PDB file of N, CA and C in Angstrom:
ATOM      1  N   MET A   1     -17.050 -46.016   8.843  1.00  0.00           N
ATOM      2  CA  MET A   1     -15.950 -45.432   9.702  1.00  0.00           C
ATOM      3  C   MET A   1     -14.610 -44.920   9.281  1.00  0.00           C
ATOM      4  N   ARG A   2     -14.224 -45.814   8.415  1.00  0.00           N
ATOM      5  CA  ARG A   2     -13.125 -45.303   7.387  1.00  0.00           C
ATOM      6  C   ARG A   2     -13.309 -44.118   6.558  1.00  0.00           C
ATOM      7  N   ASN A   3     -14.484 -43.677   5.825  1.00  0.00           N
ATOM      8  CA  ASN A   3     -14.715 -42.773   5.258  1.00  0.00           C
ATOM      9  C   ASN A   3     -14.793 -41.629   5.904  1.00  0.00           C
ATOM     10  N   ILE A   4     -15.219 -41.500   7.260  1.00  0.00           N
ATOM     11  CA  ILE A   4     -15.468 -40.484   7.913  1.00  0.00           C
ATOM     12  C   ILE A   4     -14.223 -40.023   8.272  1.00  0.00           C
ATOM     13  N   ALA A   5     -13.175 -41.040   8.327  1.00  0.00           N
ATOM     14  CA  ALA A   5     -11.853 -40.714   8.884  1.00  0.00           C
ATOM     15  C   ALA A   5     -10.904 -39.966   7.611  1.00  0.00           C
ATOM     16  N   VAL A   6     -10.983 -40.712   6.370  1.00  0.00           N
ATOM     17  CA  VAL A   6     -10.817 -40.213   5.144  1.00  0.00           C
ATOM     18  C   VAL A   6     -11.099 -38.747   5.066  1.00  0.00           C
ATOM     19  N   PHE A   7     -12.401 -38.406   5.143  1.00  0.00           N
ATOM     20  CA  PHE A   7     -13.162 -37.367   4.785  1.00  0.00           C
ATOM     21  C   PHE A   7     -12.452 -36.164   5.725  1.00  0.00           C
ATOM     22  N   THR A   8     -12.279 -36.758   7.166  1.00  0.00           N
ATOM     23  CA  THR A   8     -12.182 -35.554   8.072  1.00  0.00           C
ATOM     24  C   THR A   8     -10.438 -35.176   7.803  1.00  0.00           C
ATOM     25  N   ALA A   9      -9.822 -36.229   7.113  1.00  0.00           N
ATOM     26  CA  ALA A   9      -8.291 -35.913   6.973  1.00  0.00           C
ATOM     27  C   ALA A   9      -8.136 -35.149   5.964  1.00  0.00           C
ATOM     28  N   VAL A  10      -8.853 -35.408   4.704  1.00  0.00           N
ATOM     29  CA  VAL A  10      -8.898 -34.701   3.630  1.00  0.00           C
ATOM     30  C   VAL A  10      -9.328 -33.050   3.994  1.00  0.00           C
ATOM     31  N   THR A  11     -10.387 -32.934   4.543  1.00  0.00           N
ATOM     32  CA  THR A  11     -10.955 -31.624   4.941  1.00  0.00           C
ATOM     33  C   THR A  11     -10.167 -30.817   5.999  1.00  0.00           C
ATOM     34  N   ILE A  12      -9.354 -31.628   6.920  1.00  0.00           N
ATOM     35  CA  ILE A  12      -8.389 -30.870   7.640  1.00  0.00           C
ATOM     36  C   ILE A  12      -7.127 -30.513   6.622  1.00  0.00           C
ATOM     37  N   ALA A  13      -6.552 -31.137   5.776  1.00  0.00           N
ATOM     38  CA  ALA A  13      -5.440 -30.886   4.881  1.00  0.00           C
ATOM     39  C   ALA A  13      -5.805 -29.730   3.798  1.00  0.00           C
ATOM     40  N   LEU A  14      -7.035 -29.599   3.412  1.00  0.00           N
ATOM     41  CA  LEU A  14      -7.586 -28.905   2.723  1.00  0.00           C
ATOM     42  C   LEU A  14      -7.770 -27.503   3.410  1.00  0.00           C
ATOM     43  N   LEU A  15      -8.197 -27.494   4.643  1.00  0.00           N
ATOM     44  CA  LEU A  15      -8.302 -26.041   5.186  1.00  0.00           C
ATOM     45  C   LEU A  15      -6.985 -25.672   5.707  1.00  0.00           C
ATOM     46  N   TYR A  16      -6.115 -26.323   6.124  1.00  0.00           N
ATOM     47  CA  TYR A  16      -4.789 -26.084   6.276  1.00  0.00           C
ATOM     48  C   TYR A  16      -4.023 -25.375   4.931  1.00  0.00           C
ATOM     49  N   ALA A  17      -4.302 -26.045   4.013  1.00  0.00           N
ATOM     50  CA  ALA A  17      -3.635 -25.280   2.874  1.00  0.00           C
ATOM     51  C   ALA A  17      -4.497 -24.035   2.498  1.00  0.00           C
ATOM     52  N   ALA A  18      -5.407 -24.009   2.480  1.00  0.00           N
ATOM     53  CA  ALA A  18      -6.128 -22.605   2.289  1.00  0.00           C
ATOM     54  C   ALA A  18      -5.950 -21.662   3.284  1.00  0.00           C
ATOM     55  N   GLY A  19      -5.621 -22.214   4.484  1.00  0.00           N
ATOM     56  CA  GLY A  19      -5.049 -20.978   5.495  1.00  0.00           C
ATOM     57  C   GLY A  19      -3.704 -20.752   5.331  1.00  0.00           C
ATOM     58  N   ARG A  20      -2.667 -21.397   4.984  1.00  0.00           N
ATOM     59  CA  ARG A  20      -1.626 -21.285   4.750  1.00  0.00           C
ATOM     60  C   ARG A  20      -1.298 -20.206   3.348  1.00  0.00           C
ATOM     61  N   ALA A  21      -2.074 -20.815   2.279  1.00  0.00           N
ATOM     62  CA  ALA A  21      -2.360 -19.872   0.856  1.00  0.00           C
ATOM     63  C   ALA A  21      -2.793 -18.481   1.390  1.00  0.00           C
ATOM     64  N   HIS A  22      -3.679 -18.110   2.470  1.00  0.00           N
ATOM     65  CA  HIS A  22      -4.169 -17.103   2.506  1.00  0.00           C
ATOM     66  C   HIS A  22      -3.220 -16.166   3.277  1.00  0.00           C
ATOM     67  N   ALA A  23      -2.340 -16.909   4.201  1.00  0.00           N
ATOM     68  CA  ALA A  23      -1.475 -16.266   5.109  1.00  0.00           C
ATOM     69  C   ALA A  23      -0.294 -15.575   4.519  1.00  0.00           C
ATOM     70  N   SER A  24       0.039 -16.387   3.374  1.00  0.00           N
ATOM     71  CA  SER A  24       1.126 -16.063   2.478  1.00  0.00           C
ATOM     72  C   SER A  24       0.751 -14.876   1.479  1.00  0.00           C
ATOM     73  N   SER A  25      -0.499 -14.669   1.320  1.00  0.00           N
ATOM     74  CA  SER A  25      -1.050 -13.911   0.016  1.00  0.00           C
ATOM     75  C   SER A  25      -1.061 -12.428   0.866  1.00  0.00           C
ATOM     76  N   PRO A  26      -0.321 -11.455   0.360  1.00  0.00           N
ATOM     77  CA  PRO A  26      -0.155 -10.207   0.852  1.00  0.00           C
ATOM     78  C   PRO A  26      -1.642  -9.457   0.898  1.00  0.00           C
ATOM     79  N   THR A  27      -1.683  -8.626   1.705  1.00  0.00           N
ATOM     80  CA  THR A  27      -2.955  -7.944   1.775  1.00  0.00           C
ATOM     81  C   THR A  27      -2.795  -6.691   0.973  1.00  0.00           C
ATOM     82  N   ALA A  28      -3.691  -5.936   0.798  1.00  0.00           N
ATOM     83  CA  ALA A  28      -3.690  -4.470   0.355  1.00  0.00           C
ATOM     84  C   ALA A  28      -3.179  -3.667   1.084  1.00  0.00           C
ATOM     85  N   HIS A  29      -3.346  -3.840   2.643  1.00  0.00           N
ATOM     86  CA  HIS A  29      -2.591  -3.227   3.647  1.00  0.00           C
ATOM     87  C   HIS A  29      -0.985  -3.265   3.538  1.00  0.00           C
ATOM     88  N   ASP A  30      -0.603  -4.609   3.150  1.00  0.00           N
ATOM     89  CA  ASP A  30       0.603  -4.991   3.310  1.00  0.00           C
ATOM     90  C   ASP A  30       1.491  -4.497   1.909  1.00  0.00           C
ATOM     91  N   VAL A  31       0.470  -4.547   0.727  1.00  0.00           N
ATOM     92  CA  VAL A  31       0.981  -3.992  -0.451  1.00  0.00           C
ATOM     93  C   VAL A  31       1.267  -2.272  -0.342  1.00  0.00           C
ATOM     94  N   GLY A  32       0.372  -1.627   0.385  1.00  0.00           N
ATOM     95  CA  GLY A  32       0.661  -0.456   0.446  1.00  0.00           C
ATOM     96  C   GLY A  32       1.771   0.117   1.444  1.00  0.00           C
ATOM     97  N   ARG A  33       1.779  -0.585   2.541  1.00  0.00           N
ATOM     98  CA  ARG A  33       3.162  -0.724   3.479  1.00  0.00           C
ATOM     99  C   ARG A  33       4.473  -0.965   2.735  1.00  0.00           C
ATOM    100  N   GLU A  34       4.407  -1.816   1.657  1.00  0.00           N
ATOM    101  CA  GLU A  34       5.659  -2.076   1.149  1.00  0.00           C
ATOM    102  C   GLU A  34       6.058  -0.864  -0.051  1.00  0.00           C
ATOM    103  N   LYS A  35       4.855  -0.460  -0.501  1.00  0.00           N
ATOM    104  CA  LYS A  35       5.057   0.688  -1.436  1.00  0.00           C
ATOM    105  C   LYS A  35       5.531   1.861  -0.794  1.00  0.00           C
ATOM    106  N   PHE A  36       4.945   2.092   0.373  1.00  0.00           N
ATOM    107  CA  PHE A  36       5.265   3.361   1.327  1.00  0.00           C
ATOM    108  C   PHE A  36       6.823   3.622   1.482  1.00  0.00           C
ATOM    109  N   VAL A  37       7.622   2.581   1.286  1.00  0.00           N
ATOM    110  CA  VAL A  37       9.192   2.559   1.571  1.00  0.00           C
ATOM    111  C   VAL A  37       9.689   3.594   0.814  1.00  0.00           C
ATOM    112  N   LYS A  38       9.293   3.807  -0.473  1.00  0.00           N
ATOM    113  CA  LYS A  38       9.473   4.937  -1.559  1.00  0.00           C
ATOM    114  C   LYS A  38       9.134   6.228  -1.033  1.00  0.00           C
ATOM    115  N   CYS A  39       8.094   6.428  -0.182  1.00  0.00           N
ATOM    116  CA  CYS A  39       7.582   7.659   0.321  1.00  0.00           C
ATOM    117  C   CYS A  39       8.336   8.064   1.400  1.00  0.00           C
ATOM    118  N   ALA A  40       8.655   7.055   2.292  1.00  0.00           N
ATOM    119  CA  ALA A  40       9.285   7.234   3.598  1.00  0.00           C
ATOM    120  C   ALA A  40      10.489   8.184   3.576  1.00  0.00           C
ATOM    121  N   SER A  41      11.332   7.990   2.724  1.00  0.00           N
ATOM    122  CA  SER A  41      12.441   8.823   2.454  1.00  0.00           C
ATOM    123  C   SER A  41      12.390  10.201   2.544  1.00  0.00           C
ATOM    124  N   CYS A  42      11.326  10.759   2.111  1.00  0.00           N
ATOM    125  CA  CYS A  42      11.121  12.226   2.091  1.00  0.00           C
ATOM    126  C   CYS A  42       9.925  12.332   3.102  1.00  0.00           C
ATOM    127  N   HIS A  43       8.797  11.764   3.074  1.00  0.00           N
ATOM    128  CA  HIS A  43       7.702  11.953   4.166  1.00  0.00           C
ATOM    129  C   HIS A  43       7.795  11.356   5.318  1.00  0.00           C
ATOM    130  N   GLY A  44       8.751  10.604   5.626  1.00  0.00           N
ATOM    131  CA  GLY A  44       9.156   9.972   6.960  1.00  0.00           C
ATOM    132  C   GLY A  44       8.198   8.628   7.053  1.00  0.00           C
ATOM    133  N   ALA A  45       9.063   7.942   7.977  1.00  0.00           N
ATOM    134  CA  ALA A  45       8.243   6.296   8.210  1.00  0.00           C
ATOM    135  C   ALA A  45       7.067   6.280   8.675  1.00  0.00           C
ATOM    136  N   ASP A  46       6.706   7.571   9.311  1.00  0.00           N
ATOM    137  CA  ASP A  46       5.074   7.784   9.943  1.00  0.00           C
ATOM    138  C   ASP A  46       4.355   8.647   8.814  1.00  0.00           C
ATOM    139  N   GLY A  47       4.779   9.166   7.948  1.00  0.00           N
ATOM    140  CA  GLY A  47       3.984  10.044   6.841  1.00  0.00           C
ATOM    141  C   GLY A  47       4.075  11.571   7.555  1.00  0.00           C
ATOM    142  N   ARG A  48       4.702  11.771   8.705  1.00  0.00           N
ATOM    143  CA  ARG A  48       4.869  12.948   9.337  1.00  0.00           C
ATOM    144  C   ARG A  48       5.875  13.764   9.524  1.00  0.00           C
ATOM    145  N   SER A  49       6.935  13.305   8.422  1.00  0.00           N
ATOM    146  CA  SER A  49       8.223  13.821   8.320  1.00  0.00           C
ATOM    147  C   SER A  49       8.397  15.518   8.657  1.00  0.00           C
ATOM    148  N   THR A  50       9.378  15.800   9.467  1.00  0.00           N
ATOM    149  CA  THR A  50       9.738  17.140   9.308  1.00  0.00           C
ATOM    150  C   THR A  50      11.203  17.306   8.800  1.00  0.00           C
ATOM    151  N   VAL A  51      11.836  16.406   8.240  1.00  0.00           N
ATOM    152  CA  VAL A  51      13.315  16.258   8.033  1.00  0.00           C
ATOM    153  C   VAL A  51      13.343  17.560   6.958  1.00  0.00           C
ATOM    154  N   VAL A  52      12.659  17.783   6.002  1.00  0.00           N
ATOM    155  CA  VAL A  52      12.423  18.930   5.030  1.00  0.00           C
ATOM    156  C   VAL A  52      11.317  19.830   5.402  1.00  0.00           C
ATOM    157  N   PRO A  53      11.370  20.866   5.861  1.00  0.00           N
ATOM    158  CA  PRO A  53       9.938  21.380   6.002  1.00  0.00           C
ATOM    159  C   PRO A  53       8.840  21.445   4.631  1.00  0.00           C
ATOM    160  N   GLN A  54       9.502  21.526   3.798  1.00  0.00           N
ATOM    161  CA  GLN A  54       8.668  21.672   2.299  1.00  0.00           C
ATOM    162  C   GLN A  54       7.981  20.555   2.061  1.00  0.00           C
ATOM    163  N   TYR A  55       8.460  19.404   2.260  1.00  0.00           N
ATOM    164  CA  TYR A  55       7.871  18.151   2.124  1.00  0.00           C
ATOM    165  C   TYR A  55       6.531  17.922   2.984  1.00  0.00           C
ATOM    166  N   PRO A  56       5.460  17.850   2.160  1.00  0.00           N
ATOM    167  CA  PRO A  56       4.130  17.938   3.101  1.00  0.00           C
ATOM    168  C   PRO A  56       3.978  16.380   3.858  1.00  0.00           C
ATOM    169  N   LYS A  57       3.512  16.725   4.915  1.00  0.00           N
ATOM    170  CA  LYS A  57       3.013  15.357   5.826  1.00  0.00           C
ATOM    171  C   LYS A  57       1.821  15.152   5.300  1.00  0.00           C
ATOM    172  N   ILE A  58       1.905  13.778   4.849  1.00  0.00           N
ATOM    173  CA  ILE A  58       0.810  13.031   4.241  1.00  0.00           C
ATOM    174  C   ILE A  58       0.071  11.882   4.975  1.00  0.00           C
ATOM    175  N   ALA A  59       0.179  11.844   6.115  1.00  0.00           N
ATOM    176  CA  ALA A  59      -0.242  10.750   7.200  1.00  0.00           C
ATOM    177  C   ALA A  59      -1.935  11.128   7.224  1.00  0.00           C
ATOM    178  N   GLY A  60      -2.378  10.274   7.197  1.00  0.00           N
ATOM    179  CA  GLY A  60      -4.080  10.531   7.419  1.00  0.00           C
ATOM    180  C   GLY A  60      -4.602  11.035   5.928  1.00  0.00           C
ATOM    181  N   GLN A  61      -3.781  11.371   5.091  1.00  0.00           N
ATOM    182  CA  GLN A  61      -4.682  12.057   3.937  1.00  0.00           C
ATOM    183  C   GLN A  61      -5.745  11.366   3.327  1.00  0.00           C
ATOM    184  N   SER A  62      -6.555  11.863   2.494  1.00  0.00           N
ATOM    185  CA  SER A  62      -7.569  11.168   1.921  1.00  0.00           C
ATOM    186  C   SER A  62      -7.047  10.340   1.008  1.00  0.00           C
ATOM    187  N   ALA A  63      -7.693   9.029   1.077  1.00  0.00           N
ATOM    188  CA  ALA A  63      -7.352   8.238  -0.121  1.00  0.00           C
ATOM    189  C   ALA A  63      -7.597   8.518  -1.545  1.00  0.00           C
ATOM    190  N   ALA A  64      -8.633   9.174  -1.574  1.00  0.00           N
ATOM    191  CA  ALA A  64      -9.417   9.606  -3.041  1.00  0.00           C
ATOM    192  C   ALA A  64      -8.209  10.996  -3.302  1.00  0.00           C
ATOM    193  N   TYR A  65      -7.887  11.701  -2.397  1.00  0.00           N
ATOM    194  CA  TYR A  65      -6.871  12.832  -3.009  1.00  0.00           C
ATOM    195  C   TYR A  65      -5.534  12.228  -3.486  1.00  0.00           C
ATOM    196  N   THR A  66      -5.085  11.359  -2.732  1.00  0.00           N
ATOM    197  CA  THR A  66      -3.864  10.581  -2.683  1.00  0.00           C
ATOM    198  C   THR A  66      -3.789   9.860  -4.146  1.00  0.00           C
ATOM    199  N   ILE A  67      -4.792   9.214  -4.230  1.00  0.00           N
ATOM    200  CA  ILE A  67      -5.018   8.376  -5.638  1.00  0.00           C
ATOM    201  C   ILE A  67      -4.986   9.418  -6.974  1.00  0.00           C
ATOM    202  N   ASN A  68      -5.624  10.609  -6.766  1.00  0.00           N
ATOM    203  CA  ASN A  68      -5.571  11.664  -7.848  1.00  0.00           C
ATOM    204  C   ASN A  68      -4.267  11.967  -8.013  1.00  0.00           C
ATOM    205  N   ALA A  69      -3.841  12.362  -6.868  1.00  0.00           N
ATOM    206  CA  ALA A  69      -2.402  13.219  -7.083  1.00  0.00           C
ATOM    207  C   ALA A  69      -1.437  12.186  -7.572  1.00  0.00           C
ATOM    208  N   LEU A  70      -1.151  11.143  -7.016  1.00  0.00           N
ATOM    209  CA  LEU A  70      -0.443  10.193  -7.499  1.00  0.00           C
ATOM    210  C   LEU A  70      -0.430   9.698  -9.143  1.00  0.00           C
ATOM    211  N   LYS A  71      -2.020   9.570  -9.528  1.00  0.00           N
ATOM    212  CA  LYS A  71      -1.907   9.137 -11.125  1.00  0.00           C
ATOM    213  C   LYS A  71      -1.672  10.515 -11.714  1.00  0.00           C
ATOM    214  N   ALA A  72      -1.732  11.881 -11.208  1.00  0.00           N
ATOM    215  CA  ALA A  72      -1.648  12.992 -12.084  1.00  0.00           C
ATOM    216  C   ALA A  72      -0.064  13.210 -12.283  1.00  0.00           C
ATOM    217  N   TYR A  73       0.692  12.707 -10.903  1.00  0.00           N
ATOM    218  CA  TYR A  73       2.038  12.929 -11.141  1.00  0.00           C
ATOM    219  C   TYR A  73       2.439  11.918 -12.216  1.00  0.00           C
ATOM    220  N   ARG A  74       2.142  10.594 -12.216  1.00  0.00           N
ATOM    221  CA  ARG A  74       2.507   9.686 -12.862  1.00  0.00           C
ATOM    222  C   ARG A  74       2.234   9.814 -14.377  1.00  0.00           C
ATOM    223  N   GLU A  75       1.197  10.541 -14.679  1.00  0.00           N
ATOM    224  CA  GLU A  75       0.739  10.974 -16.032  1.00  0.00           C
ATOM    225  C   GLU A  75       1.273  12.125 -16.354  1.00  0.00           C
ATOM    226  N   GLY A  76       2.142  12.791 -15.553  1.00  0.00           N
ATOM    227  CA  GLY A  76       2.721  14.052 -15.938  1.00  0.00           C
ATOM    228  C   GLY A  76       1.938  15.470 -15.855  1.00  0.00           C
ATOM    229  N   ARG A  77       0.473  15.143 -15.339  1.00  0.00           N
ATOM    230  CA  ARG A  77      -0.523  16.182 -15.535  1.00  0.00           C
ATOM    231  C   ARG A  77      -0.268  16.975 -14.245  1.00  0.00           C
ATOM    232  N   ARG A  78       0.417  16.705 -13.209  1.00  0.00           N
ATOM    233  CA  ARG A  78       0.906  17.637 -12.174  1.00  0.00           C
ATOM    234  C   ARG A  78       2.147  18.042 -12.123  1.00  0.00           C
ATOM    235  N   LEU A  79       1.893  19.499 -11.797  1.00  0.00           N
ATOM    236  CA  LEU A  79       3.238  20.099 -12.122  1.00  0.00           C
ATOM    237  C   LEU A  79       3.745  21.083 -10.759  1.00  0.00           C
ATOM    238  N   GLY A  80       4.964  21.242 -10.617  1.00  0.00           N
ATOM    239  CA  GLY A  80       5.152  22.076  -9.691  1.00  0.00           C
ATOM    240  C   GLY A  80       6.607  21.769  -9.150  1.00  0.00           C
ATOM    241  N   THR A  81       7.116  22.151  -7.593  1.00  0.00           N
ATOM    242  CA  THR A  81       8.248  22.117  -7.297  1.00  0.00           C
ATOM    243  C   THR A  81       8.674  20.751  -7.257  1.00  0.00           C
ATOM    244  N   TYR A  82       8.163  20.098  -6.685  1.00  0.00           N
ATOM    245  CA  TYR A  82       8.608  18.549  -6.664  1.00  0.00           C
ATOM    246  C   TYR A  82       7.896  17.537  -7.474  1.00  0.00           C
ATOM    247  N   ALA A  83       7.447  17.938  -8.515  1.00  0.00           N
ATOM    248  CA  ALA A  83       6.774  17.328  -9.563  1.00  0.00           C
ATOM    249  C   ALA A  83       7.646  16.087 -10.311  1.00  0.00           C
ATOM    250  N   ALA A  84       9.019  16.502 -10.489  1.00  0.00           N
ATOM    251  CA  ALA A  84       9.777  15.680 -11.236  1.00  0.00           C
ATOM    252  C   ALA A  84      10.091  14.509 -10.280  1.00  0.00           C
ATOM    253  N   MET A  85      10.586  14.725  -8.932  1.00  0.00           N
ATOM    254  CA  MET A  85      10.695  13.907  -8.035  1.00  0.00           C
ATOM    255  C   MET A  85       9.555  12.765  -7.947  1.00  0.00           C
ATOM    256  N   MET A  86       8.105  13.305  -7.625  1.00  0.00           N
ATOM    257  CA  MET A  86       7.310  12.562  -7.406  1.00  0.00           C
ATOM    258  C   MET A  86       7.056  11.560  -8.740  1.00  0.00           C
ATOM    259  N   SER A  87       6.938  12.480  -9.732  1.00  0.00           N
ATOM    260  CA  SER A  87       6.560  11.487 -11.110  1.00  0.00           C
ATOM    261  C   SER A  87       7.642  10.416 -11.071  1.00  0.00           C
ATOM    262  N   GLU A  88       8.729  10.598 -10.752  1.00  0.00           N
ATOM    263  CA  GLU A  88       9.619   9.301 -11.116  1.00  0.00           C
ATOM    264  C   GLU A  88       9.378   8.133 -10.076  1.00  0.00           C
ATOM    265  N   VAL A  89       8.681   8.543  -8.731  1.00  0.00           N
ATOM    266  CA  VAL A  89       8.232   7.436  -8.022  1.00  0.00           C
ATOM    267  C   VAL A  89       6.746   6.980  -8.239  1.00  0.00           C
ATOM    268  N   ALA A  90       6.032   8.034  -8.834  1.00  0.00           N
ATOM    269  CA  ALA A  90       4.694   7.382  -9.263  1.00  0.00           C
ATOM    270  C   ALA A  90       4.612   6.671 -10.679  1.00  0.00           C
ATOM    271  N   ARG A  91       5.652   6.949 -11.415  1.00  0.00           N
ATOM    272  CA  ARG A  91       5.684   6.212 -12.705  1.00  0.00           C
ATOM    273  C   ARG A  91       5.869   4.668 -12.474  1.00  0.00           C
ATOM    274  N   THR A  92       6.605   4.140 -11.231  1.00  0.00           N
ATOM    275  CA  THR A  92       6.776   2.793 -10.992  1.00  0.00           C
ATOM    276  C   THR A  92       5.645   1.997 -10.232  1.00  0.00           C
ATOM    277  N   LEU A  93       4.316   2.840 -10.108  1.00  0.00           N
ATOM    278  CA  LEU A  93       3.190   2.396  -9.230  1.00  0.00           C
ATOM    279  C   LEU A  93       2.122   2.084 -10.321  1.00  0.00           C
ATOM    280  N   SER A  94       1.687   0.962 -10.202  1.00  0.00           N
ATOM    281  CA  SER A  94       0.608   0.376 -10.987  1.00  0.00           C
ATOM    282  C   SER A  94      -0.780   1.044 -10.392  1.00  0.00           C
ATOM    283  N   ASP A  95      -1.942   0.806 -11.047  1.00  0.00           N
ATOM    284  CA  ASP A  95      -3.261   1.426 -10.466  1.00  0.00           C
ATOM    285  C   ASP A  95      -3.514   0.850  -8.956  1.00  0.00           C
ATOM    286  N   GLU A  96      -3.080  -0.581  -9.163  1.00  0.00           N
ATOM    287  CA  GLU A  96      -3.701  -1.142  -7.738  1.00  0.00           C
ATOM    288  C   GLU A  96      -2.517  -0.981  -6.880  1.00  0.00           C
ATOM    289  N   ASP A  97      -1.198  -0.538  -7.104  1.00  0.00           N
ATOM    290  CA  ASP A  97      -0.402  -0.054  -6.215  1.00  0.00           C
ATOM    291  C   ASP A  97      -0.841   1.091  -5.809  1.00  0.00           C
ATOM    292  N   ILE A  98      -1.212   2.015  -6.457  1.00  0.00           N
ATOM    293  CA  ILE A  98      -1.708   3.291  -6.039  1.00  0.00           C
ATOM    294  C   ILE A  98      -2.880   3.230  -4.885  1.00  0.00           C
ATOM    295  N   VAL A  99      -3.962   2.337  -5.413  1.00  0.00           N
ATOM    296  CA  VAL A  99      -5.146   2.420  -4.563  1.00  0.00           C
ATOM    297  C   VAL A  99      -4.317   1.802  -3.102  1.00  0.00           C
ATOM    298  N   ALA A 100      -3.725   0.743  -2.985  1.00  0.00           N
ATOM    299  CA  ALA A 100      -3.033   0.347  -1.726  1.00  0.00           C
ATOM    300  C   ALA A 100      -2.359   1.206  -0.951  1.00  0.00           C
ATOM    301  N   LEU A 101      -1.627   2.045  -1.754  1.00  0.00           N
ATOM    302  CA  LEU A 101      -0.560   2.849  -0.991  1.00  0.00           C
ATOM    303  C   LEU A 101      -1.584   4.102  -0.334  1.00  0.00           C
ATOM    304  N   ALA A 102      -2.357   4.501  -1.349  1.00  0.00           N
ATOM    305  CA  ALA A 102      -3.301   5.549  -0.702  1.00  0.00           C
ATOM    306  C   ALA A 102      -4.157   5.085   0.552  1.00  0.00           C
ATOM    307  N   ALA A 103      -4.543   3.683   0.604  1.00  0.00           N
ATOM    308  CA  ALA A 103      -5.120   3.517   1.712  1.00  0.00           C
ATOM    309  C   ALA A 103      -4.450   3.172   2.694  1.00  0.00           C
ATOM    310  N   TYR A 104      -3.074   2.741   2.448  1.00  0.00           N
ATOM    311  CA  TYR A 104      -2.153   2.959   3.792  1.00  0.00           C
ATOM    312  C   TYR A 104      -1.964   4.356   4.343  1.00  0.00           C
ATOM    313  N   VAL A 105      -1.376   5.282   3.554  1.00  0.00           N
ATOM    314  CA  VAL A 105      -1.310   6.613   3.751  1.00  0.00           C
ATOM    315  C   VAL A 105      -2.588   7.284   4.769  1.00  0.00           C
ATOM    316  N   GLU A 106      -3.759   6.895   4.179  1.00  0.00           N
ATOM    317  CA  GLU A 106      -5.057   7.355   4.861  1.00  0.00           C
ATOM    318  C   GLU A 106      -5.119   6.613   6.318  1.00  0.00           C
ATOM    319  N   SER A 107      -4.251   5.460   6.465  1.00  0.00           N
ATOM    320  CA  SER A 107      -4.688   4.884   7.588  1.00  0.00           C
ATOM    321  C   SER A 107      -3.500   5.290   8.874  1.00  0.00           C
ATOM    322  N   LEU A 108      -2.592   5.943   8.195  1.00  0.00           N
ATOM    323  CA  LEU A 108      -1.354   6.611   9.260  1.00  0.00           C
ATOM    324  C   LEU A 108      -2.053   7.469  10.267  1.00  0.00           C
ATOM    325  N   GLU A 109      -1.701   7.689  11.289  1.00  0.00           N
ATOM    326  CA  GLU A 109      -2.277   8.614  11.958  1.00  0.00           C
ATOM    327  C   GLU A 109      -1.532  10.052  11.722  1.00  0.00           C
ATOM    328  N   ASN A 110      -2.433  11.031  11.684  1.00  0.00           N
ATOM    329  CA  ASN A 110      -2.169  12.349  11.227  1.00  0.00           C
ATOM    330  C   ASN A 110      -2.138  13.200  12.872  1.00  0.00           C
ATOM    331  N   ARG A 111      -1.333  13.125  13.545  1.00  0.00           N
ATOM    332  CA  ARG A 111      -1.206  14.060  14.632  1.00  0.00           C
ATOM    333  C   ARG A 111      -0.338  15.231  14.481  1.00  0.00           C
TER     334      ARG A 111
END
């Protein structure tokens, strides 16, 4: 009987610890949302900014497109009117950050 009680207590403690570790681990969506803060100043908190008409609305943009664009900006392969500004932001992003950010942008509602 004592062995069952000890086993149950240990199992509950391990499950609780695993749950807490998982709860504190950021998901890709969390990382994407966190990285989007840099984007929001120009593209708006919802990705549909009209603050400056020349800045594109990016909400709902294909993740594949966003990944390619951000990597091209980061590597200096994408040129254009706002390339210098975008390059500065993209240079701070790892490949994992870019993938998470692209998934987050794709998840934003594009109305």
